[in-house]
């Protein structure tokens, strides 16, 4: 799983870095050609359905990139990894105003930022310029469906922290 995380983190960075526009945080990383076929909060709450949607987005991104970037050795300075638990989302819409829409009304991070599905959580990349806004969104998220991955107790998360590919 760690090798897959590094490979997908590299693909995420290769996809997002040239496309991300902080002035268009709500949509610059939600390109239609990459988007999931159904909403991972409302389109089916079974873990297998969500995992399949995430896998489909990651495969489509790899196809659109047309190459395999070298596995990421580390997370760029200031960037963070978000953990999204879609089955907990109440879709209350308090997050978008806090982070200029980077996190949407269902608490879903932009699909261009998705890295890997791990158990019941989607890990996604947050660029340094969005960390403050996403942190505010996390604080006003009562159901805790979004949180910093580095603060999760799962063994995979702790292993990724030790390797410096998560903060």
Protein backbone atom coordinates (compact mmCIF):
# COMPACT_ATOMS: atom_id res chain seq x y z
CA UNK A 1 0.00 0.00 0.00
CA UNK A 2 2.90 2.37 0.70
CA UNK A 3 4.32 1.88 -2.81
CA UNK A 4 0.86 2.52 -4.29
CA UNK A 5 0.49 5.67 -2.16
CA UNK A 6 3.84 7.02 -3.39
CA UNK A 7 2.97 6.22 -7.02
CA UNK A 8 -0.45 7.88 -6.74
CA UNK A 9 0.95 10.89 -4.84
CA UNK A 10 3.38 11.44 -7.73
CA UNK A 11 0.51 11.17 -10.25
CA UNK A 12 -1.58 13.57 -8.16
CA UNK A 13 1.20 16.14 -8.07
CA UNK A 14 1.89 15.72 -11.80
CA UNK A 15 -1.81 16.30 -12.53
CA UNK A 16 -2.50 19.10 -10.06
CA UNK A 17 0.56 21.32 -9.99
CA UNK A 18 0.14 22.68 -13.55
CA UNK A 19 -3.65 22.97 -13.20
CA UNK A 20 -4.18 24.44 -9.74
CA UNK A 21 -5.28 28.07 -9.64
CA UNK A 22 -5.89 29.42 -6.10
CA UNK A 23 -8.24 32.05 -7.59
CA UNK A 24 -10.36 29.16 -8.89
CA UNK A 25 -9.97 26.82 -5.91
CA UNK A 26 -13.52 25.49 -6.31
CA UNK A 27 -13.08 24.19 -9.85
CA UNK A 28 -9.49 24.22 -11.13
CA UNK A 29 -8.92 20.65 -9.88
CA UNK A 30 -12.40 19.34 -10.71
CA UNK A 31 -11.95 18.84 -14.44
CA UNK A 32 -14.96 17.16 -16.10
CA UNK A 33 -12.86 14.59 -17.97
CA UNK A 34 -11.50 13.25 -14.66
CA UNK A 35 -14.60 13.48 -12.46
CA UNK A 36 -16.28 10.48 -10.85
CA UNK A 37 -19.31 9.08 -12.61
CA UNK A 38 -21.33 9.46 -9.42
CA UNK A 39 -21.09 11.49 -6.25
CA UNK A 40 -19.18 9.41 -3.68
CA UNK A 41 -21.37 10.72 -0.87
CA UNK A 42 -24.81 10.39 -2.51
CA UNK A 43 -24.12 7.90 -5.29
CA UNK A 44 -23.81 4.88 -3.04
CA UNK A 45 -22.65 4.69 0.52
CA UNK A 46 -21.29 1.15 0.40
CA UNK A 47 -17.52 1.13 0.82
CA UNK A 48 -17.03 -1.05 -2.28
CA UNK A 49 -18.98 1.41 -4.45
CA UNK A 50 -16.93 4.34 -3.17
CA UNK A 51 -13.66 2.42 -3.59
CA UNK A 52 -14.59 1.57 -7.20
CA UNK A 53 -15.35 5.24 -8.00
CA UNK A 54 -12.02 6.33 -6.52
CA UNK A 55 -10.15 3.61 -8.44
CA UNK A 56 -11.87 4.70 -11.66
CA UNK A 57 -10.80 8.35 -11.16
CA UNK A 58 -7.21 7.32 -10.41
CA UNK A 59 -7.05 5.06 -13.48
CA UNK A 60 -8.53 7.77 -15.71
CA UNK A 61 -5.99 10.29 -14.38
CA UNK A 62 -3.14 7.89 -15.15
CA UNK A 63 -4.49 7.41 -18.67
CA UNK A 64 -4.85 11.16 -19.22
CA UNK A 65 -1.34 11.81 -17.89
CA UNK A 66 0.00 9.34 -20.45
CA UNK A 67 3.06 8.54 -18.33
CA UNK A 68 4.01 7.17 -14.96
CA UNK A 69 5.78 9.76 -12.82
CA UNK A 70 8.53 8.42 -10.55
CA UNK A 71 7.14 7.57 -7.09
CA UNK A 72 7.12 10.59 -4.80
CA UNK A 73 9.92 10.58 -2.26
CA UNK A 74 8.40 13.32 -0.09
CA UNK A 75 5.49 15.71 0.13
CA UNK A 76 6.37 19.23 -1.12
CA UNK A 77 7.03 21.72 1.72
CA UNK A 78 3.88 23.22 3.20
CA UNK A 79 1.52 20.78 1.47
CA UNK A 80 -0.66 18.45 3.55
CA UNK A 81 -2.74 15.33 3.12
CA UNK A 82 -6.44 15.38 3.92
CA UNK A 83 -8.45 12.36 5.05
CA UNK A 84 -12.08 12.38 3.87
CA UNK A 85 -14.55 9.87 5.32
CA UNK A 86 -17.47 10.03 2.85
CA UNK A 87 -19.83 7.86 4.88
CA UNK A 88 -19.70 10.45 7.69
CA UNK A 89 -20.52 13.47 5.52
CA UNK A 90 -23.72 15.28 6.41
CA UNK A 91 -23.49 17.49 3.30
CA UNK A 92 -24.21 20.58 5.39
CA UNK A 93 -22.18 22.93 3.20
CA UNK A 94 -20.23 24.72 5.92
CA UNK A 95 -16.84 23.94 4.38
CA UNK A 96 -16.88 25.78 1.00
CA UNK A 97 -16.95 29.32 2.43
CA UNK A 98 -14.01 28.51 4.69
CA UNK A 99 -11.75 27.29 1.88
CA UNK A 100 -12.99 29.13 -1.24
CA UNK A 101 -14.82 25.99 -2.38
CA UNK A 102 -11.75 23.74 -2.40
CA UNK A 103 -13.85 21.35 -0.28
CA UNK A 104 -17.38 21.18 -1.72
CA UNK A 105 -20.81 21.14 -0.01
CA UNK A 106 -20.56 17.36 0.49
CA UNK A 107 -17.06 17.81 2.02
CA UNK A 108 -15.53 16.13 -1.05
CA UNK A 109 -12.04 17.31 -1.96
CA UNK A 110 -11.37 17.99 -5.66
CA UNK A 111 -11.03 14.70 -7.54
CA UNK A 112 -7.79 15.83 -9.14
CA UNK A 113 -6.26 15.74 -5.63
CA UNK A 114 -7.32 12.18 -4.80
CA UNK A 115 -4.39 9.93 -3.91
CA UNK A 116 -5.67 6.63 -2.56
CA UNK A 117 -8.63 4.92 -0.91
CA UNK A 118 -7.48 3.46 2.42
CA UNK A 119 -10.05 1.45 4.36
CA UNK A 120 -12.93 3.91 4.72
CA UNK A 121 -11.01 7.07 3.98
CA UNK A 122 -9.97 8.92 0.86
CA UNK A 123 -6.56 10.56 1.11
CA UNK A 124 -6.08 13.68 -0.99
CA UNK A 125 -3.45 16.35 -1.56
CA UNK A 126 -3.86 19.91 -0.25
CA UNK A 127 -1.50 22.53 -1.72
CA UNK A 128 0.25 24.81 0.76
CA UNK A 129 -1.81 27.83 -0.36
CA UNK A 130 -5.04 26.05 0.68
CA UNK A 131 -3.90 24.60 4.02
CA UNK A 132 -5.22 27.52 6.11
CA UNK A 133 -8.66 27.48 4.49
CA UNK A 134 -8.94 23.69 4.67
CA UNK A 135 -7.89 23.84 8.33
CA UNK A 136 -10.78 26.27 8.95
CA UNK A 137 -13.15 23.93 7.09
CA UNK A 138 -12.01 21.03 9.28
CA UNK A 139 -12.71 23.06 12.43
CA UNK A 140 -16.28 23.82 11.33
CA UNK A 141 -17.03 20.23 10.25
CA UNK A 142 -19.11 18.81 13.14
CA UNK A 143 -19.27 15.24 11.86
CA UNK A 144 -15.47 15.13 11.36
CA UNK A 145 -15.76 13.76 7.83
CA UNK A 146 -12.68 15.79 6.87
CA UNK A 147 -9.52 15.89 8.94
CA UNK A 148 -5.78 15.98 8.53
CA UNK A 149 -4.55 12.50 7.66
CA UNK A 150 -1.47 12.94 9.85
CA UNK A 151 -3.73 13.01 12.90
CA UNK A 152 -5.31 9.63 12.17
CA UNK A 153 -4.24 6.63 14.28
CA UNK A 154 -4.33 4.01 11.49
CA UNK A 155 -1.06 2.05 11.08
CA UNK A 156 -0.81 2.98 7.37
CA UNK A 157 -1.01 6.69 8.21
CA UNK A 158 1.67 6.38 10.87
CA UNK A 159 3.96 4.51 8.44
CA UNK A 160 3.47 7.25 5.82
CA UNK A 161 4.34 9.91 8.41
CA UNK A 162 7.61 8.17 9.23
CA UNK A 163 8.48 8.16 5.49
CA UNK A 164 7.82 11.95 5.18
CA UNK A 165 5.19 11.45 2.47
CA UNK A 166 2.40 12.70 4.70
CA UNK A 167 1.97 15.70 7.00
